[in-house]
All heavy atoms as atom14 arrays in JSON, in Angstrom:
{
  "sequence": "PKKKDWRKQHEDFINTVRAAKGMDGYEAPPLDTSDYEQCPH",
  "atom14_mask": [
    [1, 1, 1, 1, 1, 1, 1, 0, 0, 0, 0, 0, 0, 0],
    [1, 1, 1, 1, 1, 1, 1, 1, 1, 0, 0, 0, 0, 0],
    [1, 1, 1, 1, 1, 1, 1, 1, 1, 0, 0, 0, 0, 0],
    [1, 1, 1, 1, 1, 1, 1, 1, 1, 0, 0, 0, 0, 0],
    [1, 1, 1, 1, 1, 1, 1, 1, 0, 0, 0, 0, 0, 0],
    [1, 1, 1, 1, 1, 1, 1, 1, 1, 1, 1, 1, 1, 1],
    [1, 1, 1, 1, 1, 1, 1, 1, 1, 1, 1, 0, 0, 0],
    [1, 1, 1, 1, 1, 1, 1, 1, 1, 0, 0, 0, 0, 0],
    [1, 1, 1, 1, 1, 1, 1, 1, 1, 0, 0, 0, 0, 0],
    [1, 1, 1, 1, 1, 1, 1, 1, 1, 1, 0, 0, 0, 0],
    [1, 1, 1, 1, 1, 1, 1, 1, 1, 0, 0, 0, 0, 0],
    [1, 1, 1, 1, 1, 1, 1, 1, 0, 0, 0, 0, 0, 0],
    [1, 1, 1, 1, 1, 1, 1, 1, 1, 1, 1, 0, 0, 0],
    [1, 1, 1, 1, 1, 1, 1, 1, 0, 0, 0, 0, 0, 0],
    [1, 1, 1, 1, 1, 1, 1, 1, 0, 0, 0, 0, 0, 0],
    [1, 1, 1, 1, 1, 1, 1, 0, 0, 0, 0, 0, 0, 0],
    [1, 1, 1, 1, 1, 1, 1, 0, 0, 0, 0, 0, 0, 0],
    [1, 1, 1, 1, 1, 1, 1, 1, 1, 1, 1, 0, 0, 0],
    [1, 1, 1, 1, 1, 0, 0, 0, 0, 0, 0, 0, 0, 0],
    [1, 1, 1, 1, 1, 0, 0, 0, 0, 0, 0, 0, 0, 0],
    [1, 1, 1, 1, 1, 1, 1, 1, 1, 0, 0, 0, 0, 0],
    [1, 1, 1, 1, 0, 0, 0, 0, 0, 0, 0, 0, 0, 0],
    [1, 1, 1, 1, 1, 1, 1, 1, 0, 0, 0, 0, 0, 0],
    [1, 1, 1, 1, 1, 1, 1, 1, 0, 0, 0, 0, 0, 0],
    [1, 1, 1, 1, 0, 0, 0, 0, 0, 0, 0, 0, 0, 0],
    [1, 1, 1, 1, 1, 1, 1, 1, 1, 1, 1, 1, 0, 0],
    [1, 1, 1, 1, 1, 1, 1, 1, 1, 0, 0, 0, 0, 0],
    [1, 1, 1, 1, 1, 0, 0, 0, 0, 0, 0, 0, 0, 0],
    [1, 1, 1, 1, 1, 1, 1, 0, 0, 0, 0, 0, 0, 0],
    [1, 1, 1, 1, 1, 1, 1, 0, 0, 0, 0, 0, 0, 0],
    [1, 1, 1, 1, 1, 1, 1, 1, 0, 0, 0, 0, 0, 0],
    [1, 1, 1, 1, 1, 1, 1, 1, 0, 0, 0, 0, 0, 0],
    [1, 1, 1, 1, 1, 1, 1, 0, 0, 0, 0, 0, 0, 0],
    [1, 1, 1, 1, 1, 1, 0, 0, 0, 0, 0, 0, 0, 0],
    [1, 1, 1, 1, 1, 1, 1, 1, 0, 0, 0, 0, 0, 0],
    [1, 1, 1, 1, 1, 1, 1, 1, 1, 1, 1, 1, 0, 0],
    [1, 1, 1, 1, 1, 1, 1, 1, 1, 0, 0, 0, 0, 0],
    [1, 1, 1, 1, 1, 1, 1, 1, 1, 0, 0, 0, 0, 0],
    [1, 1, 1, 1, 1, 1, 0, 0, 0, 0, 0, 0, 0, 0],
    [1, 1, 1, 1, 1, 1, 1, 0, 0, 0, 0, 0, 0, 0],
    [1, 1, 1, 1, 1, 1, 1, 1, 1, 1, 0, 0, 0, 0]
  ],
  "atom14_positions": [
    [[0.89, -1.22, -0.02], [0.03, 0.04, 0.05], [0.9, 1.26, 0.02], [1.94, 1.26, 0.53], [-0.79, -0.1, 1.3], [-0.07, -1.05, 2.14], [0.73, -2.01, 1.26], [0.0, 0.0, 0.0], [0.0, 0.0, 0.0], [0.0, 0.0, 0.0], [0.0, 0.0, 0.0], [0.0, 0.0, 0.0], [0.0, 0.0, 0.0], [0.0, 0.0, 0.0]],
    [[0.27, 2.3, -0.53], [1.02, 3.52, -0.61], [1.24, 4.07, 0.82], [0.38, 3.91, 1.66], [0.27, 4.66, -1.46], [0.06, 4.26, -2.84], [-0.8, 5.28, -3.58], [-1.11, 4.88, -4.98], [-2.0, 5.76, -5.62], [0.0, 0.0, 0.0], [0.0, 0.0, 0.0], [0.0, 0.0, 0.0], [0.0, 0.0, 0.0], [0.0, 0.0, 0.0]],
    [[2.38, 4.73, 1.03], [2.71, 5.34, 2.38], [1.79, 6.52, 2.58], [1.66, 7.36, 1.69], [4.16, 5.74, 2.5], [5.05, 4.51, 2.66], [6.44, 4.95, 3.04], [7.29, 3.82, 3.29], [8.65, 4.2, 3.81], [0.0, 0.0, 0.0], [0.0, 0.0, 0.0], [0.0, 0.0, 0.0], [0.0, 0.0, 0.0], [0.0, 0.0, 0.0]],
    [[1.21, 6.57, 3.72], [0.35, 7.7, 4.11], [1.08, 8.69, 4.89], [1.97, 8.37, 5.67], [-0.92, 7.2, 4.82], [-1.79, 6.25, 3.96], [-2.99, 5.9, 4.71], [-3.92, 4.94, 3.84], [-5.01, 4.51, 4.54], [0.0, 0.0, 0.0], [0.0, 0.0, 0.0], [0.0, 0.0, 0.0], [0.0, 0.0, 0.0], [0.0, 0.0, 0.0]],
    [[0.66, 10.0, 4.7], [1.31, 11.05, 5.49], [0.55, 11.17, 6.82], [-0.4, 11.87, 6.97], [1.24, 12.38, 4.72], [2.03, 13.47, 5.44], [2.79, 13.18, 6.34], [1.92, 14.66, 5.01], [0.0, 0.0, 0.0], [0.0, 0.0, 0.0], [0.0, 0.0, 0.0], [0.0, 0.0, 0.0], [0.0, 0.0, 0.0], [0.0, 0.0, 0.0]],
    [[1.04, 10.38, 7.81], [0.28, 10.24, 9.11], [0.32, 11.59, 9.85], [-0.62, 11.84, 10.65], [0.9, 9.11, 9.91], [2.27, 9.25, 10.33], [3.38, 8.88, 9.74], [2.73, 9.96, 11.52], [4.42, 9.3, 10.38], [4.19, 9.96, 11.54], [2.04, 10.64, 12.56], [4.87, 10.47, 12.53], [2.86, 11.11, 13.6], [4.26, 11.04, 13.61]],
    [[1.36, 12.39, 9.7], [1.42, 13.66, 10.45], [0.28, 14.6, 9.99], [-0.46, 15.19, 10.78], [2.76, 14.39, 10.16], [3.8, 13.82, 11.04], [5.02, 14.86, 11.17], [6.06, 14.27, 11.96], [7.11, 13.63, 11.59], [7.3, 13.33, 10.33], [7.9, 13.11, 12.45], [0.0, 0.0, 0.0], [0.0, 0.0, 0.0], [0.0, 0.0, 0.0]],
    [[0.13, 14.66, 8.62], [-0.97, 15.54, 8.09], [-2.34, 14.96, 8.52], [-3.22, 15.76, 8.82], [-0.87, 15.59, 6.55], [-1.86, 16.56, 5.92], [-1.73, 16.54, 4.44], [-2.58, 17.48, 3.7], [-3.95, 17.42, 4.06], [0.0, 0.0, 0.0], [0.0, 0.0, 0.0], [0.0, 0.0, 0.0], [0.0, 0.0, 0.0], [0.0, 0.0, 0.0]],
    [[-2.53, 13.62, 8.44], [-3.79, 13.05, 8.88], [-4.08, 13.36, 10.39], [-5.18, 13.66, 10.75], [-3.73, 11.54, 8.76], [-3.92, 11.07, 7.33], [-3.94, 9.57, 7.21], [-3.45, 8.84, 8.06], [-4.48, 9.04, 6.16], [0.0, 0.0, 0.0], [0.0, 0.0, 0.0], [0.0, 0.0, 0.0], [0.0, 0.0, 0.0], [0.0, 0.0, 0.0]],
    [[-3.04, 13.35, 11.19], [-3.16, 13.61, 12.63], [-3.55, 15.06, 12.88], [-4.45, 15.37, 13.68], [-1.83, 13.31, 13.32], [-1.89, 13.58, 14.8], [-2.63, 12.82, 15.67], [-1.21, 14.48, 15.52], [-2.42, 13.33, 16.92], [-1.62, 14.3, 16.82], [0.0, 0.0, 0.0], [0.0, 0.0, 0.0], [0.0, 0.0, 0.0], [0.0, 0.0, 0.0]],
    [[-2.9, 15.94, 12.14], [-3.21, 17.4, 12.26], [-4.65, 17.64, 11.77], [-5.38, 18.42, 12.41], [-2.19, 18.25, 11.54], [-0.89, 18.3, 12.14], [0.16, 18.97, 11.26], [-0.16, 19.53, 10.16], [1.37, 18.96, 11.63], [0.0, 0.0, 0.0], [0.0, 0.0, 0.0], [0.0, 0.0, 0.0], [0.0, 0.0, 0.0], [0.0, 0.0, 0.0]],
    [[-5.08, 17.02, 10.68], [-6.39, 17.24, 10.16], [-7.44, 16.69, 11.18], [-8.5, 17.29, 11.43], [-6.59, 16.48, 8.83], [-5.8, 17.18, 7.73], [-5.43, 18.38, 7.89], [-5.72, 16.57, 6.63], [0.0, 0.0, 0.0], [0.0, 0.0, 0.0], [0.0, 0.0, 0.0], [0.0, 0.0, 0.0], [0.0, 0.0, 0.0], [0.0, 0.0, 0.0]],
    [[-7.12, 15.61, 11.82], [-8.05, 14.97, 12.77], [-8.17, 15.93, 13.98], [-9.38, 16.18, 14.44], [-7.48, 13.67, 13.2], [-8.28, 13.0, 14.32], [-9.6, 12.53, 14.07], [-7.87, 12.91, 15.61], [-10.4, 11.93, 15.11], [-8.61, 12.35, 16.61], [-9.84, 11.86, 16.38], [0.0, 0.0, 0.0], [0.0, 0.0, 0.0], [0.0, 0.0, 0.0]],
    [[-7.1, 16.45, 14.5], [-7.15, 17.43, 15.58], [-7.95, 18.65, 15.27], [-8.79, 19.1, 16.04], [-5.74, 17.78, 16.14], [-5.1, 16.55, 16.72], [-5.77, 18.96, 17.11], [-3.66, 16.73, 17.08], [0.0, 0.0, 0.0], [0.0, 0.0, 0.0], [0.0, 0.0, 0.0], [0.0, 0.0, 0.0], [0.0, 0.0, 0.0], [0.0, 0.0, 0.0]],
    [[-7.68, 19.21, 14.04], [-8.48, 20.4, 13.6], [-9.92, 20.08, 13.47], [-10.84, 20.94, 13.86], [-7.88, 20.91, 12.33], [-6.55, 21.58, 12.49], [-6.13, 21.98, 13.63], [-5.78, 21.6, 11.45], [0.0, 0.0, 0.0], [0.0, 0.0, 0.0], [0.0, 0.0, 0.0], [0.0, 0.0, 0.0], [0.0, 0.0, 0.0], [0.0, 0.0, 0.0]],
    [[-10.27, 18.89, 12.97], [-11.71, 18.52, 12.82], [-12.4, 18.37, 14.17], [-13.46, 18.87, 14.4], [-11.83, 17.13, 12.12], [-11.1, 17.26, 10.87], [-13.26, 16.75, 11.85], [0.0, 0.0, 0.0], [0.0, 0.0, 0.0], [0.0, 0.0, 0.0], [0.0, 0.0, 0.0], [0.0, 0.0, 0.0], [0.0, 0.0, 0.0], [0.0, 0.0, 0.0]],
    [[-11.71, 17.83, 15.18], [-12.31, 17.68, 16.61], [-12.43, 19.05, 17.17], [-13.46, 19.35, 17.77], [-11.36, 16.83, 17.41], [-11.76, 16.88, 18.94], [-11.36, 15.36, 16.82], [0.0, 0.0, 0.0], [0.0, 0.0, 0.0], [0.0, 0.0, 0.0], [0.0, 0.0, 0.0], [0.0, 0.0, 0.0], [0.0, 0.0, 0.0], [0.0, 0.0, 0.0]],
    [[-11.42, 19.95, 17.0], [-11.57, 21.28, 17.57], [-12.6, 22.07, 16.91], [-13.32, 22.88, 17.61], [-10.18, 22.01, 17.45], [-9.17, 21.42, 18.47], [-7.83, 22.18, 18.33], [-6.92, 21.53, 19.3], [-5.58, 21.68, 19.16], [-5.05, 22.42, 18.2], [-4.79, 21.21, 20.1], [0.0, 0.0, 0.0], [0.0, 0.0, 0.0], [0.0, 0.0, 0.0]],
    [[-12.84, 21.98, 15.59], [-13.87, 22.56, 14.86], [-15.29, 22.07, 15.39], [-16.2, 22.87, 15.46], [-13.76, 22.41, 13.36], [0.0, 0.0, 0.0], [0.0, 0.0, 0.0], [0.0, 0.0, 0.0], [0.0, 0.0, 0.0], [0.0, 0.0, 0.0], [0.0, 0.0, 0.0], [0.0, 0.0, 0.0], [0.0, 0.0, 0.0], [0.0, 0.0, 0.0]],
    [[-15.38, 20.79, 15.59], [-16.58, 20.22, 16.03], [-16.98, 20.72, 17.41], [-18.1, 20.84, 17.78], [-16.5, 18.65, 16.03], [0.0, 0.0, 0.0], [0.0, 0.0, 0.0], [0.0, 0.0, 0.0], [0.0, 0.0, 0.0], [0.0, 0.0, 0.0], [0.0, 0.0, 0.0], [0.0, 0.0, 0.0], [0.0, 0.0, 0.0], [0.0, 0.0, 0.0]],
    [[-15.92, 20.96, 18.33], [-16.21, 21.42, 19.64], [-16.62, 22.9, 19.56], [-17.04, 23.47, 20.69], [-14.86, 21.3, 20.5], [-14.65, 19.88, 20.9], [-13.46, 19.84, 21.79], [-13.13, 18.46, 22.32], [-11.97, 18.39, 23.24], [0.0, 0.0, 0.0], [0.0, 0.0, 0.0], [0.0, 0.0, 0.0], [0.0, 0.0, 0.0], [0.0, 0.0, 0.0]],
    [[-16.38, 23.59, 18.53], [-16.75, 24.99, 18.41], [-15.64, 25.9, 18.83], [-15.95, 27.07, 19.14], [0.0, 0.0, 0.0], [0.0, 0.0, 0.0], [0.0, 0.0, 0.0], [0.0, 0.0, 0.0], [0.0, 0.0, 0.0], [0.0, 0.0, 0.0], [0.0, 0.0, 0.0], [0.0, 0.0, 0.0], [0.0, 0.0, 0.0], [0.0, 0.0, 0.0]],
    [[-14.42, 25.47, 18.85], [-13.32, 26.36, 19.29], [-13.09, 27.42, 18.23], [-13.28, 27.22, 16.98], [-12.11, 25.56, 19.56], [-12.15, 24.5, 20.64], [-10.71, 23.63, 20.85], [-9.84, 24.53, 22.05], [0.0, 0.0, 0.0], [0.0, 0.0, 0.0], [0.0, 0.0, 0.0], [0.0, 0.0, 0.0], [0.0, 0.0, 0.0], [0.0, 0.0, 0.0]],
    [[-12.77, 28.62, 18.62], [-12.6, 29.76, 17.73], [-11.26, 29.52, 16.92], [-10.26, 29.17, 17.4], [-12.42, 31.03, 18.47], [-13.77, 31.4, 19.21], [-14.82, 31.02, 18.6], [-13.74, 32.2, 20.17], [0.0, 0.0, 0.0], [0.0, 0.0, 0.0], [0.0, 0.0, 0.0], [0.0, 0.0, 0.0], [0.0, 0.0, 0.0], [0.0, 0.0, 0.0]],
    [[-11.28, 29.86, 15.63], [-10.09, 29.76, 14.78], [-9.87, 28.44, 14.11], [-8.92, 28.26, 13.38], [0.0, 0.0, 0.0], [0.0, 0.0, 0.0], [0.0, 0.0, 0.0], [0.0, 0.0, 0.0], [0.0, 0.0, 0.0], [0.0, 0.0, 0.0], [0.0, 0.0, 0.0], [0.0, 0.0, 0.0], [0.0, 0.0, 0.0], [0.0, 0.0, 0.0]],
    [[-10.78, 27.49, 14.33], [-10.56, 26.14, 13.73], [-11.61, 25.89, 12.82], [-12.85, 26.01, 13.11], [-10.41, 25.09, 14.81], [-9.16, 25.17, 15.57], [-9.17, 25.75, 16.84], [-7.96, 24.68, 15.02], [-7.96, 25.87, 17.56], [-6.76, 24.82, 15.77], [-6.81, 25.38, 17.06], [-5.64, 25.44, 17.76], [0.0, 0.0, 0.0], [0.0, 0.0, 0.0]],
    [[-11.27, 25.31, 11.56], [-12.26, 24.91, 10.61], [-11.95, 23.5, 10.23], [-10.84, 23.1, 10.17], [-12.24, 25.76, 9.32], [-12.78, 27.15, 9.62], [-12.74, 27.97, 8.26], [-12.61, 27.36, 7.14], [-12.8, 29.12, 8.37], [0.0, 0.0, 0.0], [0.0, 0.0, 0.0], [0.0, 0.0, 0.0], [0.0, 0.0, 0.0], [0.0, 0.0, 0.0]],
    [[-12.97, 22.74, 9.94], [-12.75, 21.3, 9.52], [-12.06, 21.36, 8.13], [-12.57, 21.98, 7.22], [-14.1, 20.64, 9.42], [0.0, 0.0, 0.0], [0.0, 0.0, 0.0], [0.0, 0.0, 0.0], [0.0, 0.0, 0.0], [0.0, 0.0, 0.0], [0.0, 0.0, 0.0], [0.0, 0.0, 0.0], [0.0, 0.0, 0.0], [0.0, 0.0, 0.0]],
    [[-10.91, 20.7, 8.03], [-10.16, 20.66, 6.79], [-10.89, 19.82, 5.72], [-11.63, 18.91, 6.02], [-8.87, 20.03, 7.08], [-9.03, 19.31, 8.34], [-10.23, 19.97, 9.1], [0.0, 0.0, 0.0], [0.0, 0.0, 0.0], [0.0, 0.0, 0.0], [0.0, 0.0, 0.0], [0.0, 0.0, 0.0], [0.0, 0.0, 0.0], [0.0, 0.0, 0.0]],
    [[-10.79, 20.17, 4.41], [-11.43, 19.34, 3.49], [-10.81, 17.84, 3.43], [-9.62, 17.72, 3.69], [-11.16, 20.07, 2.07], [-10.01, 20.85, 2.42], [-9.93, 21.18, 3.91], [0.0, 0.0, 0.0], [0.0, 0.0, 0.0], [0.0, 0.0, 0.0], [0.0, 0.0, 0.0], [0.0, 0.0, 0.0], [0.0, 0.0, 0.0], [0.0, 0.0, 0.0]],
    [[-11.61, 16.94, 3.09], [-11.08, 15.51, 3.03], [-10.13, 15.45, 1.88], [-10.35, 15.91, 0.82], [-12.19, 14.6, 2.79], [-13.07, 14.42, 4.04], [-14.3, 13.45, 3.64], [-12.43, 13.82, 5.23], [0.0, 0.0, 0.0], [0.0, 0.0, 0.0], [0.0, 0.0, 0.0], [0.0, 0.0, 0.0], [0.0, 0.0, 0.0], [0.0, 0.0, 0.0]],
    [[-9.01, 14.75, 2.09], [-7.94, 14.54, 1.01], [-8.29, 13.17, 0.36], [-8.1, 12.13, 1.0], [-6.49, 14.58, 1.63], [-5.52, 14.35, 0.53], [-5.71, 14.67, -0.58], [-4.42, 13.8, 0.99], [0.0, 0.0, 0.0], [0.0, 0.0, 0.0], [0.0, 0.0, 0.0], [0.0, 0.0, 0.0], [0.0, 0.0, 0.0], [0.0, 0.0, 0.0]],
    [[-8.72, 13.22, -0.79], [-9.01, 11.96, -1.55], [-8.09, 11.8, -2.75], [-8.51, 11.19, -3.78], [-10.54, 11.95, -2.01], [-10.76, 13.06, -2.76], [-11.41, 11.93, -0.82], [0.0, 0.0, 0.0], [0.0, 0.0, 0.0], [0.0, 0.0, 0.0], [0.0, 0.0, 0.0], [0.0, 0.0, 0.0], [0.0, 0.0, 0.0], [0.0, 0.0, 0.0]],
    [[-6.87, 12.36, -2.66], [-6.05, 12.22, -3.79], [-5.47, 10.85, -4.09], [-5.17, 10.59, -5.29], [-4.83, 13.19, -3.55], [-4.07, 12.82, -2.41], [0.0, 0.0, 0.0], [0.0, 0.0, 0.0], [0.0, 0.0, 0.0], [0.0, 0.0, 0.0], [0.0, 0.0, 0.0], [0.0, 0.0, 0.0], [0.0, 0.0, 0.0], [0.0, 0.0, 0.0]],
    [[-5.52, 9.96, -3.15], [-5.08, 8.65, -3.31], [-6.2, 7.66, -3.71], [-5.97, 6.46, -3.8], [-4.3, 8.13, -2.12], [-5.11, 8.17, -0.88], [-6.07, 8.81, -0.82], [-4.81, 7.29, 0.08], [0.0, 0.0, 0.0], [0.0, 0.0, 0.0], [0.0, 0.0, 0.0], [0.0, 0.0, 0.0], [0.0, 0.0, 0.0], [0.0, 0.0, 0.0]],
    [[-7.36, 8.2, -3.85], [-8.53, 7.32, -4.16], [-8.51, 6.98, -5.65], [-8.11, 7.82, -6.48], [-9.84, 8.0, -3.83], [-10.28, 8.0, -2.36], [-9.25, 7.72, -1.36], [-11.49, 8.28, -1.98], [-9.59, 7.72, -0.05], [-11.88, 8.25, -0.65], [-10.87, 8.0, 0.27], [-11.26, 7.96, 1.61], [0.0, 0.0, 0.0], [0.0, 0.0, 0.0]],
    [[-9.03, 5.76, -5.96], [-9.08, 5.35, -7.36], [-10.53, 5.56, -7.88], [-11.45, 5.24, -7.12], [-8.71, 3.86, -7.52], [-7.21, 3.59, -7.18], [-6.88, 2.15, -7.24], [-7.51, 1.45, -8.08], [-5.99, 1.71, -6.58], [0.0, 0.0, 0.0], [0.0, 0.0, 0.0], [0.0, 0.0, 0.0], [0.0, 0.0, 0.0], [0.0, 0.0, 0.0]],
    [[-10.7, 6.03, -9.13], [-12.03, 6.24, -9.71], [-12.47, 4.91, -10.45], [-11.76, 4.38, -11.15], [-12.09, 7.43, -10.66], [-13.4, 7.8, -11.01], [-13.51, 9.12, -11.68], [-12.47, 9.67, -12.05], [-14.72, 9.62, -11.94], [0.0, 0.0, 0.0], [0.0, 0.0, 0.0], [0.0, 0.0, 0.0], [0.0, 0.0, 0.0], [0.0, 0.0, 0.0]],
    [[-13.69, 4.53, -10.17], [-14.26, 3.37, -10.86], [-14.61, 3.82, -12.32], [-15.3, 4.83, -12.56], [-15.58, 2.92, -10.19], [-16.41, 1.62, -11.06], [0.0, 0.0, 0.0], [0.0, 0.0, 0.0], [0.0, 0.0, 0.0], [0.0, 0.0, 0.0], [0.0, 0.0, 0.0], [0.0, 0.0, 0.0], [0.0, 0.0, 0.0], [0.0, 0.0, 0.0]],
    [[-14.13, 3.09, -13.28], [-14.4, 3.4, -14.73], [-15.87, 3.2, -15.09], [-16.29, 3.72, -16.13], [-13.47, 2.43, -15.5], [-13.18, 1.31, -14.59], [-13.27, 1.87, -13.22], [0.0, 0.0, 0.0], [0.0, 0.0, 0.0], [0.0, 0.0, 0.0], [0.0, 0.0, 0.0], [0.0, 0.0, 0.0], [0.0, 0.0, 0.0], [0.0, 0.0, 0.0]],
    [[-16.64, 2.42, -14.32], [-18.01, 2.11, -14.7], [-19.02, 3.14, -14.09], [-19.93, 3.55, -14.76], [-18.39, 0.71, -14.25], [-17.35, -0.31, -14.67], [-17.18, -0.61, -16.03], [-16.38, -0.98, -13.97], [-16.21, -1.56, -16.12], [-15.73, -1.75, -14.87], [0.0, 0.0, 0.0], [0.0, 0.0, 0.0], [0.0, 0.0, 0.0], [0.0, 0.0, 0.0]]
  ]
}
């Protein structure tokens, strides 16, 4: 499997949790689907 950038995933997770709690200055980051494969059908 392709190596994942775990640091970036960890930071995104923390930001998502803080945004869900309603903390000021934090927004949920967009999902990174660059490693996803598209179905041809």
